């Protein structure tokens, strides 16, 4: 979802570097995977095609922080329609 983001903190020898991958448009999400010693963070569209990818050596990654956008539960939404004065009531 738009706003999802992942922060990656990497050991760069004498210092650390922080990278951020953000779902930049509506309907996109950020996925993470660890394969064969490589951490891969990708921004993916609804259809599953990868827009961009960041890859890091797993031995150099100090932290991987996933920060999803807060989503609204169905119980928190205001009721819609069906009340007095709404269209379609007899």
PDB file of N, CA and C in Angstrom:
ATOM      1  N   UNK A   1       0.825  -1.176   0.000  1.00  0.00           N
ATOM      2  CA  UNK A   1       0.000   0.000   0.000  1.00  0.00           C
ATOM      3  C   UNK A   1       0.873   1.244   0.000  1.00  0.00           C
ATOM      4  N   UNK A   2       0.374   2.307  -0.591  1.00  0.00           N
ATOM      5  CA  UNK A   2       1.135   3.545  -0.643  1.00  0.00           C
ATOM      6  C   UNK A   2       1.515   3.963   0.769  1.00  0.00           C
ATOM      7  N   UNK A   3       2.785   4.273   0.963  1.00  0.00           N
ATOM      8  CA  UNK A   3       3.267   4.683   2.267  1.00  0.00           C
ATOM      9  C   UNK A   3       4.019   3.593   2.997  1.00  0.00           C
ATOM     10  N   UNK A   4       3.825   2.318   2.599  1.00  0.00           N
ATOM     11  CA  UNK A   4       4.622   1.247   3.188  1.00  0.00           C
ATOM     12  C   UNK A   4       6.085   1.542   2.939  1.00  0.00           C
ATOM     13  N   UNK A   5       6.933   1.269   3.917  1.00  0.00           N
ATOM     14  CA  UNK A   5       8.354   1.515   3.701  1.00  0.00           C
ATOM     15  C   UNK A   5       9.197   0.546   4.500  1.00  0.00           C
ATOM     16  N   UNK A   6      10.411   0.354   4.019  1.00  0.00           N
ATOM     17  CA  UNK A   6      11.381  -0.505   4.676  1.00  0.00           C
ATOM     18  C   UNK A   6      12.687   0.270   4.789  1.00  0.00           C
ATOM     19  N   UNK A   7      13.243   0.307   5.995  1.00  0.00           N
ATOM     20  CA  UNK A   7      14.540   0.940   6.214  1.00  0.00           C
ATOM     21  C   UNK A   7      15.579  -0.159   6.384  1.00  0.00           C
ATOM     22  N   UNK A   8      16.720   0.011   5.738  1.00  0.00           N
ATOM     23  CA  UNK A   8      17.809  -0.957   5.806  1.00  0.00           C
ATOM     24  C   UNK A   8      19.047  -0.241   6.316  1.00  0.00           C
ATOM     25  N   UNK A   9      19.620  -0.726   7.409  1.00  0.00           N
ATOM     26  CA  UNK A   9      20.849  -0.159   7.957  1.00  0.00           C
ATOM     27  C   UNK A   9      21.981  -1.126   7.616  1.00  0.00           C
ATOM     28  N   UNK A  10      23.012  -0.601   6.930  1.00  0.00           N
ATOM     29  CA  UNK A  10      24.091  -1.437   6.410  1.00  0.00           C
ATOM     30  C   UNK A  10      25.431  -0.985   6.995  1.00  0.00           C
ATOM     31  N   UNK A  11      26.276  -1.954   7.340  1.00  0.00           N
ATOM     32  CA  UNK A  11      27.642  -1.671   7.805  1.00  0.00           C
ATOM     33  C   UNK A  11      28.484  -1.309   6.592  1.00  0.00           C
ATOM     34  N   UNK A  12      29.060  -0.096   6.618  1.00  0.00           N
ATOM     35  CA  UNK A  12      29.884   0.369   5.495  1.00  0.00           C
ATOM     36  C   UNK A  12      31.335   0.547   5.948  1.00  0.00           C
ATOM     37  N   UNK A  13      31.836  -0.384   6.741  1.00  0.00           N
ATOM     38  CA  UNK A  13      33.216  -0.302   7.212  1.00  0.00           C
ATOM     39  C   UNK A  13      33.314   0.517   8.484  1.00  0.00           C
ATOM     40  N   UNK A  14      33.718   1.766   8.377  1.00  0.00           N
ATOM     41  CA  UNK A  14      33.890   2.611   9.554  1.00  0.00           C
ATOM     42  C   UNK A  14      32.617   3.346   9.956  1.00  0.00           C
ATOM     43  N   UNK A  15      31.551   3.225   9.192  1.00  0.00           N
ATOM     44  CA  UNK A  15      30.290   3.910   9.488  1.00  0.00           C
ATOM     45  C   UNK A  15      29.117   3.030   9.073  1.00  0.00           C
ATOM     46  N   UNK A  16      27.914   3.513   9.309  1.00  0.00           N
ATOM     47  CA  UNK A  16      26.719   2.807   8.833  1.00  0.00           C
ATOM     48  C   UNK A  16      25.981   3.699   7.846  1.00  0.00           C
ATOM     49  N   UNK A  17      25.268   3.057   6.952  1.00  0.00           N
ATOM     50  CA  UNK A  17      24.446   3.793   5.982  1.00  0.00           C
ATOM     51  C   UNK A  17      23.021   3.286   6.088  1.00  0.00           C
ATOM     52  N   UNK A  18      22.091   4.205   5.934  1.00  0.00           N
ATOM     53  CA  UNK A  18      20.674   3.855   5.995  1.00  0.00           C
ATOM     54  C   UNK A  18      20.035   4.090   4.631  1.00  0.00           C
ATOM     55  N   UNK A  19      19.339   3.072   4.159  1.00  0.00           N
ATOM     56  CA  UNK A  19      18.616   3.161   2.891  1.00  0.00           C
ATOM     57  C   UNK A  19      17.138   2.962   3.180  1.00  0.00           C
ATOM     58  N   UNK A  20      16.295   3.509   2.316  1.00  0.00           N
ATOM     59  CA  UNK A  20      14.862   3.425   2.507  1.00  0.00           C
ATOM     60  C   UNK A  20      14.186   3.106   1.178  1.00  0.00           C
ATOM     61  N   UNK A  21      13.303   2.125   1.189  1.00  0.00           N
ATOM     62  CA  UNK A  21      12.499   1.792   0.012  1.00  0.00           C
ATOM     63  C   UNK A  21      11.052   2.055   0.398  1.00  0.00           C
ATOM     64  N   UNK A  22      10.361   2.897  -0.395  1.00  0.00           N
ATOM     65  CA  UNK A  22       9.002   3.326  -0.071  1.00  0.00           C
ATOM     66  C   UNK A  22       8.066   2.982  -1.227  1.00  0.00           C
ATOM     67  N   UNK A  23       6.872   2.510  -0.899  1.00  0.00           N
ATOM     68  CA  UNK A  23       5.834   2.301  -1.911  1.00  0.00           C
ATOM     69  C   UNK A  23       5.317   3.682  -2.300  1.00  0.00           C
ATOM     70  N   UNK A  24       5.711   4.152  -3.471  1.00  0.00           N
ATOM     71  CA  UNK A  24       5.501   5.551  -3.846  1.00  0.00           C
ATOM     72  C   UNK A  24       4.126   5.874  -4.419  1.00  0.00           C
ATOM     73  N   UNK A  25       3.396   4.878  -4.886  1.00  0.00           N
ATOM     74  CA  UNK A  25       2.084   5.135  -5.488  1.00  0.00           C
ATOM     75  C   UNK A  25       1.029   4.218  -4.890  1.00  0.00           C
ATOM     76  N   UNK A  26      -0.215   4.598  -5.071  1.00  0.00           N
ATOM     77  CA  UNK A  26      -1.325   3.791  -4.559  1.00  0.00           C
ATOM     78  C   UNK A  26      -1.314   2.411  -5.214  1.00  0.00           C
ATOM     79  N   UNK A  27      -1.573   1.390  -4.420  1.00  0.00           N
ATOM     80  CA  UNK A  27      -1.617   0.030  -4.934  1.00  0.00           C
ATOM     81  C   UNK A  27      -0.282  -0.688  -4.939  1.00  0.00           C
ATOM     82  N   UNK A  28       0.787   0.012  -4.641  1.00  0.00           N
ATOM     83  CA  UNK A  28       2.095  -0.638  -4.597  1.00  0.00           C
ATOM     84  C   UNK A  28       2.414  -1.068  -3.175  1.00  0.00           C
ATOM     85  N   UNK A  29       3.257  -2.087  -3.074  1.00  0.00           N
ATOM     86  CA  UNK A  29       3.667  -2.579  -1.773  1.00  0.00           C
ATOM     87  C   UNK A  29       5.165  -2.850  -1.785  1.00  0.00           C
ATOM     88  N   UNK A  30       5.735  -3.045  -0.614  1.00  0.00           N
ATOM     89  CA  UNK A  30       7.164  -3.329  -0.495  1.00  0.00           C
ATOM     90  C   UNK A  30       7.314  -4.743   0.043  1.00  0.00           C
ATOM     91  N   UNK A  31       8.113  -5.558  -0.640  1.00  0.00           N
ATOM     92  CA  UNK A  31       8.343  -6.939  -0.228  1.00  0.00           C
ATOM     93  C   UNK A  31       9.814  -7.145   0.085  1.00  0.00           C
ATOM     94  N   UNK A  32      10.099  -7.992   1.072  1.00  0.00           N
ATOM     95  CA  UNK A  32      11.485  -8.315   1.419  1.00  0.00           C
ATOM     96  C   UNK A  32      11.710  -9.812   1.254  1.00  0.00           C
ATOM     97  N   UNK A  33      12.943 -10.167   0.895  1.00  0.00           N
ATOM     98  CA  UNK A  33      13.307 -11.572   0.747  1.00  0.00           C
ATOM     99  C   UNK A  33      14.795 -11.721   1.061  1.00  0.00           C
ATOM    100  N   UNK A  34      15.143 -12.859   1.661  1.00  0.00           N
ATOM    101  CA  UNK A  34      16.548 -13.180   1.916  1.00  0.00           C
ATOM    102  C   UNK A  34      16.841 -14.476   1.168  1.00  0.00           C
ATOM    103  N   UNK A  35      17.733 -14.382   0.182  1.00  0.00           N
ATOM    104  CA  UNK A  35      18.072 -15.539  -0.659  1.00  0.00           C
ATOM    105  C   UNK A  35      19.575 -15.601  -0.869  1.00  0.00           C
ATOM    106  N   UNK A  36      20.154 -16.759  -0.596  1.00  0.00           N
ATOM    107  CA  UNK A  36      21.563 -17.017  -0.887  1.00  0.00           C
ATOM    108  C   UNK A  36      22.493 -15.919  -0.382  1.00  0.00           C
ATOM    109  N   UNK A  37      22.245 -15.451   0.839  1.00  0.00           N
ATOM    110  CA  UNK A  37      23.123 -14.452   1.426  1.00  0.00           C
ATOM    111  C   UNK A  37      22.903 -13.035   0.939  1.00  0.00           C
ATOM    112  N   UNK A  38      21.781 -12.804   0.267  1.00  0.00           N
ATOM    113  CA  UNK A  38      21.462 -11.471  -0.243  1.00  0.00           C
ATOM    114  C   UNK A  38      20.090 -11.049   0.283  1.00  0.00           C
ATOM    115  N   UNK A  39      20.009  -9.843   0.837  1.00  0.00           N
ATOM    116  CA  UNK A  39      18.730  -9.282   1.266  1.00  0.00           C
ATOM    117  C   UNK A  39      18.210  -8.442   0.106  1.00  0.00           C
ATOM    118  N   UNK A  40      16.984  -8.729  -0.306  1.00  0.00           N
ATOM    119  CA  UNK A  40      16.394  -8.049  -1.457  1.00  0.00           C
ATOM    120  C   UNK A  40      15.103  -7.366  -1.020  1.00  0.00           C
ATOM    121  N   UNK A  41      15.003  -6.069  -1.259  1.00  0.00           N
ATOM    122  CA  UNK A  41      13.806  -5.293  -0.929  1.00  0.00           C
ATOM    123  C   UNK A  41      13.268  -4.722  -2.236  1.00  0.00           C
ATOM    124  N   UNK A  42      12.003  -5.033  -2.552  1.00  0.00           N
ATOM    125  CA  UNK A  42      11.436  -4.637  -3.842  1.00  0.00           C
ATOM    126  C   UNK A  42      10.127  -3.887  -3.673  1.00  0.00           C
ATOM    127  N   UNK A  43       9.920  -2.890  -4.541  1.00  0.00           N
ATOM    128  CA  UNK A  43       8.627  -2.219  -4.644  1.00  0.00           C
ATOM    129  C   UNK A  43       7.874  -2.918  -5.766  1.00  0.00           C
ATOM    130  N   UNK A  44       6.665  -3.395  -5.462  1.00  0.00           N
ATOM    131  CA  UNK A  44       5.913  -4.246  -6.376  1.00  0.00           C
ATOM    132  C   UNK A  44       4.541  -3.638  -6.643  1.00  0.00           C
ATOM    133  N   UNK A  45       4.060  -3.756  -7.900  1.00  0.00           N
ATOM    134  CA  UNK A  45       2.731  -3.267  -8.270  1.00  0.00           C
ATOM    135  C   UNK A  45       1.668  -4.289  -7.884  1.00  0.00           C
ATOM    136  N   UNK A  46       0.404  -3.922  -8.082  1.00  0.00           N
ATOM    137  CA  UNK A  46      -0.703  -4.845  -7.773  1.00  0.00           C
ATOM    138  C   UNK A  46      -0.605  -6.130  -8.568  1.00  0.00           C
ATOM    139  N   UNK A  47      -0.161  -6.013  -9.812  1.00  0.00           N
ATOM    140  CA  UNK A  47      -0.086  -7.194 -10.681  1.00  0.00           C
ATOM    141  C   UNK A  47       1.138  -8.056 -10.390  1.00  0.00           C
ATOM    142  N   UNK A  48       2.039  -7.586  -9.536  1.00  0.00           N
ATOM    143  CA  UNK A  48       3.196  -8.390  -9.149  1.00  0.00           C
ATOM    144  C   UNK A  48       4.476  -8.048  -9.879  1.00  0.00           C
ATOM    145  N   UNK A  49       4.454  -7.069 -10.782  1.00  0.00           N
ATOM    146  CA  UNK A  49       5.697  -6.709 -11.468  1.00  0.00           C
ATOM    147  C   UNK A  49       6.534  -5.786 -10.579  1.00  0.00           C
ATOM    148  N   UNK A  50       7.823  -6.036 -10.585  1.00  0.00           N
ATOM    149  CA  UNK A  50       8.755  -5.295  -9.740  1.00  0.00           C
ATOM    150  C   UNK A  50       9.087  -3.958 -10.385  1.00  0.00           C
ATOM    151  N   UNK A  51       8.963  -2.877  -9.605  1.00  0.00           N
ATOM    152  CA  UNK A  51       9.263  -1.535 -10.091  1.00  0.00           C
ATOM    153  C   UNK A  51      10.734  -1.218  -9.856  1.00  0.00           C
ATOM    154  N   UNK A  52      11.208  -1.485  -8.645  1.00  0.00           N
ATOM    155  CA  UNK A  52      12.617  -1.273  -8.330  1.00  0.00           C
ATOM    156  C   UNK A  52      13.028  -2.207  -7.203  1.00  0.00           C
ATOM    157  N   UNK A  53      14.306  -2.500  -7.145  1.00  0.00           N
ATOM    158  CA  UNK A  53      14.836  -3.450  -6.169  1.00  0.00           C
ATOM    159  C   UNK A  53      16.133  -2.923  -5.584  1.00  0.00           C
ATOM    160  N   UNK A  54      16.303  -3.124  -4.282  1.00  0.00           N
ATOM    161  CA  UNK A  54      17.567  -2.816  -3.607  1.00  0.00           C
ATOM    162  C   UNK A  54      18.117  -4.132  -3.065  1.00  0.00           C
ATOM    163  N   UNK A  55      19.399  -4.400  -3.314  1.00  0.00           N
ATOM    164  CA  UNK A  55      20.022  -5.653  -2.860  1.00  0.00           C
ATOM    165  C   UNK A  55      21.228  -5.347  -1.992  1.00  0.00           C
ATOM    166  N   UNK A  56      21.363  -6.111  -0.900  1.00  0.00           N
ATOM    167  CA  UNK A  56      22.456  -5.931   0.046  1.00  0.00           C
ATOM    168  C   UNK A  56      22.988  -7.290   0.463  1.00  0.00           C
ATOM    169  N   UNK A  57      24.286  -7.359   0.737  1.00  0.00           N
ATOM    170  CA  UNK A  57      24.867  -8.585   1.275  1.00  0.00           C
ATOM    171  C   UNK A  57      24.322  -8.786   2.691  1.00  0.00           C
ATOM    172  N   UNK A  58      23.804  -9.970   2.969  1.00  0.00           N
ATOM    173  CA  UNK A  58      23.172 -10.243   4.260  1.00  0.00           C
ATOM    174  C   UNK A  58      24.142 -10.077   5.423  1.00  0.00           C
ATOM    175  N   UNK A  59      25.431 -10.358   5.197  1.00  0.00           N
ATOM    176  CA  UNK A  59      26.414 -10.242   6.280  1.00  0.00           C
ATOM    177  C   UNK A  59      26.658  -8.791   6.675  1.00  0.00           C
ATOM    178  N   UNK A  60      26.309  -7.843   5.809  1.00  0.00           N
ATOM    179  CA  UNK A  60      26.518  -6.414   6.074  1.00  0.00           C
ATOM    180  C   UNK A  60      25.276  -5.703   6.615  1.00  0.00           C
ATOM    181  N   UNK A  61      24.125  -6.366   6.557  1.00  0.00           N
ATOM    182  CA  UNK A  61      22.886  -5.739   7.022  1.00  0.00           C
ATOM    183  C   UNK A  61      22.822  -5.819   8.539  1.00  0.00           C
ATOM    184  N   UNK A  62      22.717  -4.655   9.181  1.00  0.00           N
ATOM    185  CA  UNK A  62      22.615  -4.585  10.637  1.00  0.00           C
ATOM    186  C   UNK A  62      21.158  -4.593  11.098  1.00  0.00           C
ATOM    187  N   UNK A  63      20.286  -3.934  10.349  1.00  0.00           N
ATOM    188  CA  UNK A  63      18.873  -3.869  10.720  1.00  0.00           C
ATOM    189  C   UNK A  63      18.010  -3.743   9.480  1.00  0.00           C
ATOM    190  N   UNK A  64      16.850  -4.360   9.556  1.00  0.00           N
ATOM    191  CA  UNK A  64      15.851  -4.288   8.494  1.00  0.00           C
ATOM    192  C   UNK A  64      14.526  -3.980   9.184  1.00  0.00           C
ATOM    193  N   UNK A  65      14.030  -2.767   9.002  1.00  0.00           N
ATOM    194  CA  UNK A  65      12.843  -2.309   9.721  1.00  0.00           C
ATOM    195  C   UNK A  65      11.703  -2.115   8.730  1.00  0.00           C
ATOM    196  N   UNK A  66      10.651  -2.920   8.878  1.00  0.00           N
ATOM    197  CA  UNK A  66       9.468  -2.787   8.039  1.00  0.00           C
ATOM    198  C   UNK A  66       8.463  -1.900   8.758  1.00  0.00           C
ATOM    199  N   UNK A  67       7.999  -0.866   8.071  1.00  0.00           N
ATOM    200  CA  UNK A  67       7.049   0.073   8.661  1.00  0.00           C
ATOM    201  C   UNK A  67       5.822   0.172   7.767  1.00  0.00           C
ATOM    202  N   UNK A  68       4.820  -0.695   8.010  1.00  0.00           N
ATOM    203  CA  UNK A  68       3.612  -0.630   7.182  1.00  0.00           C
ATOM    204  C   UNK A  68       2.771   0.585   7.534  1.00  0.00           C
ATOM    205  N   UNK A  69       1.992   1.024   6.579  1.00  0.00           N
ATOM    206  CA  UNK A  69       1.079   2.142   6.804  1.00  0.00           C
ATOM    207  C   UNK A  69      -0.050   1.616   7.681  1.00  0.00           C
ATOM    208  N   UNK A  70      -0.489   2.367   8.692  1.00  0.00           N
ATOM    209  CA  UNK A  70      -1.612   1.888   9.511  1.00  0.00           C
ATOM    210  C   UNK A  70      -2.865   1.754   8.660  1.00  0.00           C
ATOM    211  N   UNK A  71      -3.500   0.609   8.739  1.00  0.00           N
ATOM    212  CA  UNK A  71      -4.694   0.365   7.945  1.00  0.00           C
ATOM    213  C   UNK A  71      -5.922   0.463   8.831  1.00  0.00           C
ATOM    214  N   UNK A  72      -7.037   0.874   8.235  1.00  0.00           N
ATOM    215  CA  UNK A  72      -8.284   1.049   8.953  1.00  0.00           C
ATOM    216  C   UNK A  72      -9.045  -0.264   8.990  1.00  0.00           C
ATOM    217  N   UNK A  73      -9.439  -0.729  10.179  1.00  0.00           N
ATOM    218  CA  UNK A  73     -10.249  -1.943  10.306  1.00  0.00           C
ATOM    219  C   UNK A  73     -11.688  -1.646   9.923  1.00  0.00           C
ATOM    220  N   UNK A  74     -12.416  -2.661   9.535  1.00  0.00           N
ATOM    221  CA  UNK A  74     -13.824  -2.490   9.172  1.00  0.00           C
ATOM    222  C   UNK A  74     -14.636  -2.017  10.376  1.00  0.00           C
ATOM    223  N   UNK A  75     -14.236  -2.415  11.595  1.00  0.00           N
ATOM    224  CA  UNK A  75     -14.970  -2.012  12.795  1.00  0.00           C
ATOM    225  C   UNK A  75     -14.775  -0.534  13.116  1.00  0.00           C
ATOM    226  N   UNK A  76     -13.716   0.085  12.605  1.00  0.00           N
ATOM    227  CA  UNK A  76     -13.429   1.487  12.887  1.00  0.00           C
ATOM    228  C   UNK A  76     -14.088   2.434  11.888  1.00  0.00           C
ATOM    229  N   UNK A  77     -14.566   1.914  10.760  1.00  0.00           N
ATOM    230  CA  UNK A  77     -15.174   2.747   9.732  1.00  0.00           C
ATOM    231  C   UNK A  77     -16.566   3.182  10.156  1.00  0.00           C
ATOM    232  N   UNK A  78     -16.953   4.396   9.779  1.00  0.00           N
ATOM    233  CA  UNK A  78     -18.318   4.820  10.091  1.00  0.00           C
ATOM    234  C   UNK A  78     -19.309   4.039   9.238  1.00  0.00           C
ATOM    235  N   UNK A  79     -20.515   3.798   9.753  1.00  0.00           N
ATOM    236  CA  UNK A  79     -21.505   3.048   8.970  1.00  0.00           C
ATOM    237  C   UNK A  79     -21.893   3.835   7.721  1.00  0.00           C
ATOM    238  N   UNK A  80     -22.185   3.105   6.647  1.00  0.00           N
ATOM    239  CA  UNK A  80     -22.559   3.765   5.396  1.00  0.00           C
ATOM    240  C   UNK A  80     -23.980   3.370   5.010  1.00  0.00           C
ATOM    241  N   UNK A  81     -24.786   4.376   4.715  1.00  0.00           N
ATOM    242  CA  UNK A  81     -26.141   4.148   4.199  1.00  0.00           C
ATOM    243  C   UNK A  81     -27.041   3.380   5.136  1.00  0.00           C
ATOM    244  N   UNK A  82     -28.289   3.201   4.683  1.00  0.00           N
ATOM    245  CA  UNK A  82     -29.233   2.385   5.415  1.00  0.00           C
ATOM    246  C   UNK A  82     -29.909   3.091   6.580  1.00  0.00           C
ATOM    247  N   UNK A  83     -29.503   4.292   6.907  1.00  0.00           N
ATOM    248  CA  UNK A  83     -30.107   5.007   8.036  1.00  0.00           C
ATOM    249  C   UNK A  83     -31.244   5.897   7.579  1.00  0.00           C
ATOM    250  N   UNK A  84     -31.880   6.581   8.523  1.00  0.00           N
ATOM    251  CA  UNK A  84     -32.977   7.483   8.157  1.00  0.00           C
ATOM    252  C   UNK A  84     -32.481   8.567   7.225  1.00  0.00           C
ATOM    253  N   UNK A  85     -33.255   8.853   6.219  1.00  0.00           N
ATOM    254  CA  UNK A  85     -32.913   9.905   5.271  1.00  0.00           C
ATOM    255  C   UNK A  85     -31.970   9.443   4.168  1.00  0.00           C
ATOM    256  N   UNK A  86     -31.645   8.164   4.139  1.00  0.00           N
ATOM    257  CA  UNK A  86     -30.734   7.706   3.085  1.00  0.00           C
ATOM    258  C   UNK A  86     -31.557   7.326   1.858  1.00  0.00           C
ATOM    259  N   UNK A  87     -30.907   7.342   0.718  1.00  0.00           N
ATOM    260  CA  UNK A  87     -31.582   6.990  -0.538  1.00  0.00           C
ATOM    261  C   UNK A  87     -31.955   5.535  -0.534  1.00  0.00           C
ATOM    262  N   UNK A  88     -33.058   5.240  -1.135  1.00  0.00           N
ATOM    263  CA  UNK A  88     -33.467   3.858  -1.301  1.00  0.00           C
ATOM    264  C   UNK A  88     -34.294   3.311  -0.150  1.00  0.00           C
ATOM    265  N   UNK A  89     -34.585   4.119   0.845  1.00  0.00           N
ATOM    266  CA  UNK A  89     -35.437   3.632   1.929  1.00  0.00           C
ATOM    267  C   UNK A  89     -36.885   3.917   1.578  1.00  0.00           C
ATOM    268  N   UNK A  90     -37.827   2.998   1.865  1.00  0.00           N
ATOM    269  CA  UNK A  90     -39.239   3.200   1.500  1.00  0.00           C
ATOM    270  C   UNK A  90     -39.917   4.241   2.355  1.00  0.00           C
TER     271      UNK A  90
END
